[in-house]
Amino acid sequence: MTAGSSPKPAPSQPGRDAADASIGQLVSEASTHLSSLVHSEIELAKLELTSTVKNAGTGIGFFAGAAVVFVFSLTFGFLTIAEGLVALGLARWLAYLIVFVFQLAVVAVCAILGIRKVKRVKAPERTLQTTRETVDYLKKAYG
């Protein structure tokens, strides 16, 4: 051994080099690595989908809120407000028109907020990209 050279690393099994590994061992290692890769891809997908599902759920919640307010706007709950405006001296038709426009404004705000949240829903891009790369690699390796 010369002064500039380093000793060879010890083989993983006594008396065997990596070049001497059996086909069974190589297949076993490849299977283990592939399993680990698949599990990692699944974990990445879970992480990305968590935020996507949260945004979708919030957007759906805003749509539900808009629907609930719209349904209640057609019931007798707002009749009291309109009659209160009539009691203050407004014409009955004007009082009911004011209440109806207010109800539509609430529905519009909830719908706009729901649309904004749903637009934030995205595909899990990193997961899709790494999966494509893995498939491409496996196609090249095992052709």
Protein backbone atom coordinates (compact mmCIF):
# COMPACT_ATOMS: atom_id res chain seq x y z
CA MET A 1 0.00 0.00 0.00
CA THR A 2 1.32 3.45 -0.86
CA ALA A 3 1.13 6.50 1.38
CA GLY A 4 -1.60 8.17 -0.77
CA SER A 5 -3.93 5.20 -1.05
CA SER A 6 -6.64 4.36 1.41
CA PRO A 7 -7.60 0.88 2.53
CA LYS A 8 -10.50 -0.82 0.82
CA PRO A 9 -13.77 -0.76 2.77
CA ALA A 10 -14.65 -4.04 4.35
CA PRO A 11 -17.25 -6.05 2.41
CA SER A 12 -20.70 -6.27 3.95
CA GLN A 13 -20.33 -10.03 4.33
CA PRO A 14 -17.01 -11.57 5.33
CA GLY A 15 -15.21 -13.07 2.38
CA ARG A 16 -17.55 -11.63 -0.30
CA ASP A 17 -17.28 -8.57 -2.52
CA ALA A 18 -20.31 -6.70 -3.90
CA ALA A 19 -19.38 -8.12 -7.30
CA ASP A 20 -19.76 -11.63 -5.87
CA ALA A 21 -23.33 -11.01 -4.62
CA SER A 22 -25.83 -13.57 -5.81
CA ILE A 23 -28.71 -12.75 -8.08
CA GLY A 24 -31.08 -13.47 -5.20
CA GLN A 25 -29.36 -10.91 -3.00
CA LEU A 26 -29.43 -8.31 -5.76
CA VAL A 27 -33.12 -8.93 -6.43
CA SER A 28 -33.83 -8.72 -2.71
CA GLU A 29 -31.98 -5.40 -2.42
CA ALA A 30 -33.73 -4.02 -5.52
CA SER A 31 -37.09 -5.08 -4.09
CA THR A 32 -36.29 -3.39 -0.78
CA HIS A 33 -35.22 -0.18 -2.50
CA LEU A 34 -38.28 -0.19 -4.75
CA SER A 35 -40.55 -0.71 -1.75
CA SER A 36 -38.85 2.16 0.07
CA LEU A 37 -39.25 4.37 -3.00
CA VAL A 38 -42.96 3.55 -3.31
CA HIS A 39 -43.52 4.29 0.38
CA SER A 40 -41.72 7.62 0.00
CA GLU A 41 -43.87 8.53 -3.01
CA ILE A 42 -47.02 7.71 -1.05
CA GLU A 43 -45.90 9.89 1.88
CA LEU A 44 -45.15 12.78 -0.49
CA ALA A 45 -48.59 12.42 -2.07
CA LYS A 46 -50.23 12.44 1.39
CA LEU A 47 -48.42 15.64 2.36
CA GLU A 48 -49.37 17.45 -0.85
CA LEU A 49 -52.96 16.25 -0.82
CA THR A 50 -53.50 17.35 2.78
CA SER A 51 -53.29 21.05 1.88
CA THR A 52 -55.26 20.51 -1.33
CA VAL A 53 -58.07 18.73 0.49
CA LYS A 54 -58.09 21.44 3.16
CA ASN A 55 -58.55 24.17 0.52
CA ALA A 56 -61.23 22.15 -1.25
CA GLY A 57 -63.06 21.59 2.03
CA THR A 58 -62.94 25.27 2.93
CA GLY A 59 -64.21 26.24 -0.52
CA ILE A 60 -67.06 23.75 -0.27
CA GLY A 61 -67.86 25.15 3.18
CA PHE A 62 -68.19 28.65 1.73
CA PHE A 63 -70.48 27.34 -1.01
CA ALA A 64 -72.59 25.61 1.63
CA GLY A 65 -72.72 28.86 3.60
CA ALA A 66 -73.91 30.70 0.51
CA ALA A 67 -76.61 28.09 -0.07
CA VAL A 68 -77.82 28.21 3.53
CA VAL A 69 -78.06 32.01 3.56
CA PHE A 70 -79.86 31.94 0.24
CA VAL A 71 -82.42 29.42 1.51
CA PHE A 72 -83.03 31.41 4.68
CA SER A 73 -83.31 34.60 2.63
CA LEU A 74 -86.41 33.13 1.03
CA THR A 75 -88.10 32.36 4.34
CA PHE A 76 -89.92 34.36 6.92
CA GLY A 77 -86.80 35.23 8.95
CA PHE A 78 -86.21 38.39 6.94
CA LEU A 79 -89.85 39.38 6.94
CA THR A 80 -89.27 40.91 10.35
CA ILE A 81 -86.54 43.19 9.03
CA ALA A 82 -88.71 44.31 6.13
CA GLU A 83 -91.65 45.01 8.41
CA GLY A 84 -89.34 46.96 10.71
CA LEU A 85 -88.37 49.18 7.80
CA VAL A 86 -92.05 49.66 7.01
CA ALA A 87 -92.64 50.68 10.61
CA LEU A 88 -89.89 53.30 10.23
CA GLY A 89 -91.90 54.91 7.45
CA LEU A 90 -90.60 53.32 4.24
CA ALA A 91 -93.00 52.07 1.63
CA ARG A 92 -93.61 48.32 1.99
CA TRP A 93 -92.24 47.52 -1.49
CA LEU A 94 -89.06 49.50 -0.79
CA ALA A 95 -88.52 47.82 2.58
CA TYR A 96 -88.80 44.36 1.03
CA LEU A 97 -86.52 45.37 -1.84
CA ILE A 98 -83.83 46.58 0.58
CA VAL A 99 -83.94 43.28 2.50
CA PHE A 100 -83.78 41.25 -0.70
CA VAL A 101 -80.76 43.19 -2.03
CA PHE A 102 -78.99 42.69 1.32
CA GLN A 103 -79.62 38.93 1.09
CA LEU A 104 -78.22 38.80 -2.43
CA ALA A 105 -75.11 40.69 -1.29
CA VAL A 106 -74.48 38.12 1.44
CA VAL A 107 -74.90 35.29 -1.07
CA ALA A 108 -72.50 37.00 -3.51
CA VAL A 109 -69.80 37.49 -0.86
CA CYS A 110 -70.01 33.83 0.23
CA ALA A 111 -69.90 32.61 -3.38
CA ILE A 112 -66.88 34.78 -4.20
CA LEU A 113 -65.01 33.53 -1.13
CA GLY A 114 -65.87 29.94 -2.08
CA ILE A 115 -64.62 30.41 -5.64
CA ARG A 116 -61.33 31.86 -4.39
CA LYS A 117 -60.75 28.90 -2.08
CA VAL A 118 -61.61 26.29 -4.72
CA LYS A 119 -59.23 27.95 -7.21
CA ARG A 120 -56.39 27.25 -4.76
CA VAL A 121 -56.91 23.51 -5.21
CA LYS A 122 -53.91 22.15 -7.12
CA ALA A 123 -52.71 18.81 -8.38
CA PRO A 124 -49.84 17.28 -6.38
CA GLU A 125 -47.19 18.45 -8.87
CA ARG A 126 -44.09 17.26 -7.00
CA THR A 127 -45.55 13.79 -6.56
CA LEU A 128 -46.52 13.56 -10.22
CA GLN A 129 -43.06 14.75 -11.31
CA THR A 130 -41.13 12.33 -9.11
CA THR A 131 -43.43 9.49 -10.16
CA ARG A 132 -42.77 10.29 -13.82
CA GLU A 133 -39.04 10.37 -13.13
CA THR A 134 -39.23 7.01 -11.36
CA VAL A 135 -41.17 5.43 -14.23
CA ASP A 136 -38.71 6.85 -16.77
CA TYR A 137 -35.77 5.54 -14.76
CA LEU A 138 -37.29 2.07 -14.42
CA LYS A 139 -38.05 1.98 -18.16
CA LYS A 140 -34.44 2.85 -18.98
CA ALA A 141 -32.99 0.47 -16.41
CA TYR A 142 -35.17 -2.53 -17.22
CA GLY A 143 -36.04 -1.47 -20.71
